[in-house]
Amino acid sequence: MNFERAKSIILIILVGTSIFLTWSIWTYEPEYDQFDQSNYIKIKSDVQIVSDVIKPVSILFHGNGQHFQTSNPVEIDEMEKEFAQWRFSGIKEVSVKRLQRKFDDFVHEDGSVEIEFSDDIPIALYKTVLNITDKEVPGFSFDRIIIKQKDLSGNESPVYFVSYDQEKIYQGLVDSKKLRNFMDSFYRDSYDKHPEYTAETISSKRTLFVPEKPVEIKRLEYYIDYLDIGNLKNALFNYPKFVRQESVSVGEEYTDGTRLMTVNKENYLISYINPAQKSKLFGSSSDLLQKSIDFINDHAGWENNNYRFAYMSENEQRVVFRLFVNGYPAFNESGMTEIEQIWGKEEIYSYDRPYFSLDSVLPSEGAVVILPSGKEVLNKLKSKDNIDFKSVEDISIGYKLNKSLDSKLVTLVTLEPTWYYRIGDKWFIVPFEEDTGGDQSGLE
């Protein structure tokens, strides 16, 4: 065998070996131990739709000269499921003059159910909750839905959409059988299930309803959890990697030279402003509310789904969502219970919100608080010279949120049951204690 032939044989062997090793690598299937999927971290969905955020705050039942009310979220959810299944048709405005009675008398008429919301809701947005068969729906807003026992005749009966402040009434027709079933389920036993309320005429255009007897309600205490500041930063700044962070007296500031986000570590608040967006471009109230919901969805900011729509000003392009617990609104003088947005010409102009959420509730001895009756609340408000009683637009039980530390220096928040009254878009504590002095600082 000469030298050249030997080289050829060696080359063939090396090429063959290379091909075999390559094939072995490509076809190799290692045996893995089975992975325990129970160790996966499940990421919680925090996306809310219109029906999650825009909810009734109370249900009033009027009958035989008496009034009963509930704010129970379970019962409200049951009612919502009922009227979300109705088919509405023939939606049109109803003339107040044609009713041949005062507007207020029509709204609170005997034999009716009054489903109340926090503020006017644009039908253009809420129709995503309702089953409206009309191809075109008139543009209007409402803050209550009313069903009347006396109207339940024939095949179809009216359901009314009312704006209390604007004194506007619209009606849609619904299958009478479904309405009768609704009234049988919720209206007929309201006398036995719910506390009685008394009517108080504030002015010729407003009647308020408050409980006749003292109210027992639990004081609550929670551990808190925190939102991811990074998620908020990424949502609010177009180029987060260029954002500078600095320590300040209250906590931290983030800026890209134009936008500014302040993290208040004392009260667990975020305050954001983009001065370049100050000039407002006015859109419809429906668009304003929808983009406000979508904006919070974009950075999973609903905090355990406890926030509800509370107030909207189309002129200010401002929307406020409020913390609700067990059906009651929560308040705090520093803004720890509110998510407020003000929109500019293209983007959000300012954004103020807490960055904590209620985590787990603590058991507490002696946690029941007995609040004064609604009549006592009315008398107290009438007796105060610094309160314009005729300007009061709402009276409600709410929770006053306070923060504290436990023995292990873990942050807690306490929700103290308290009576509140509203003038305009501001809420105030009813001044039963002398040290509150009829506080008129306001809680928006």
Foldseek 3Di string as FASTA:
>chain_A
DDPVVVVVVVVVVVVVVVVVVVVCVVPDDDDDDDDDPVPDDDDDAQADAPPLFWFFLKKWAAAPNWIFMDLFPVVRVVLLVLQLPWEWEDKDWDDPVVVVDDLVCVQRPHQKMKGFTQAWDWCVRCVVSHRYPDPDHDTDTAGIKMDGPVQLDDQWGWIWGHHLVVSIIIITITGSVSVVVSCVVPHPCSVVVGAIWDWDDLDSRDIATWGPFWDKDFKWKFFKAFADVVLVLPLPDVDSVQWDWDADPQGIWIDNPFKIWDQRPVLQKIKIFGVVQAAADQDDPSVLVVVVSVSCSSSSNCAVSQWHWNDQDRVQSKTKIFGDDSSATEFEPVQAGIWMWGGGHPGTGMTMYGGMHGDDIDDDPPRMDTGGTPVVLLVLQVPDPVHPSSQWHYKGWHWYWDWDADPVRRIMIMTHTFIWIDGDSWIFGRPPDVVCVRPPPTTD
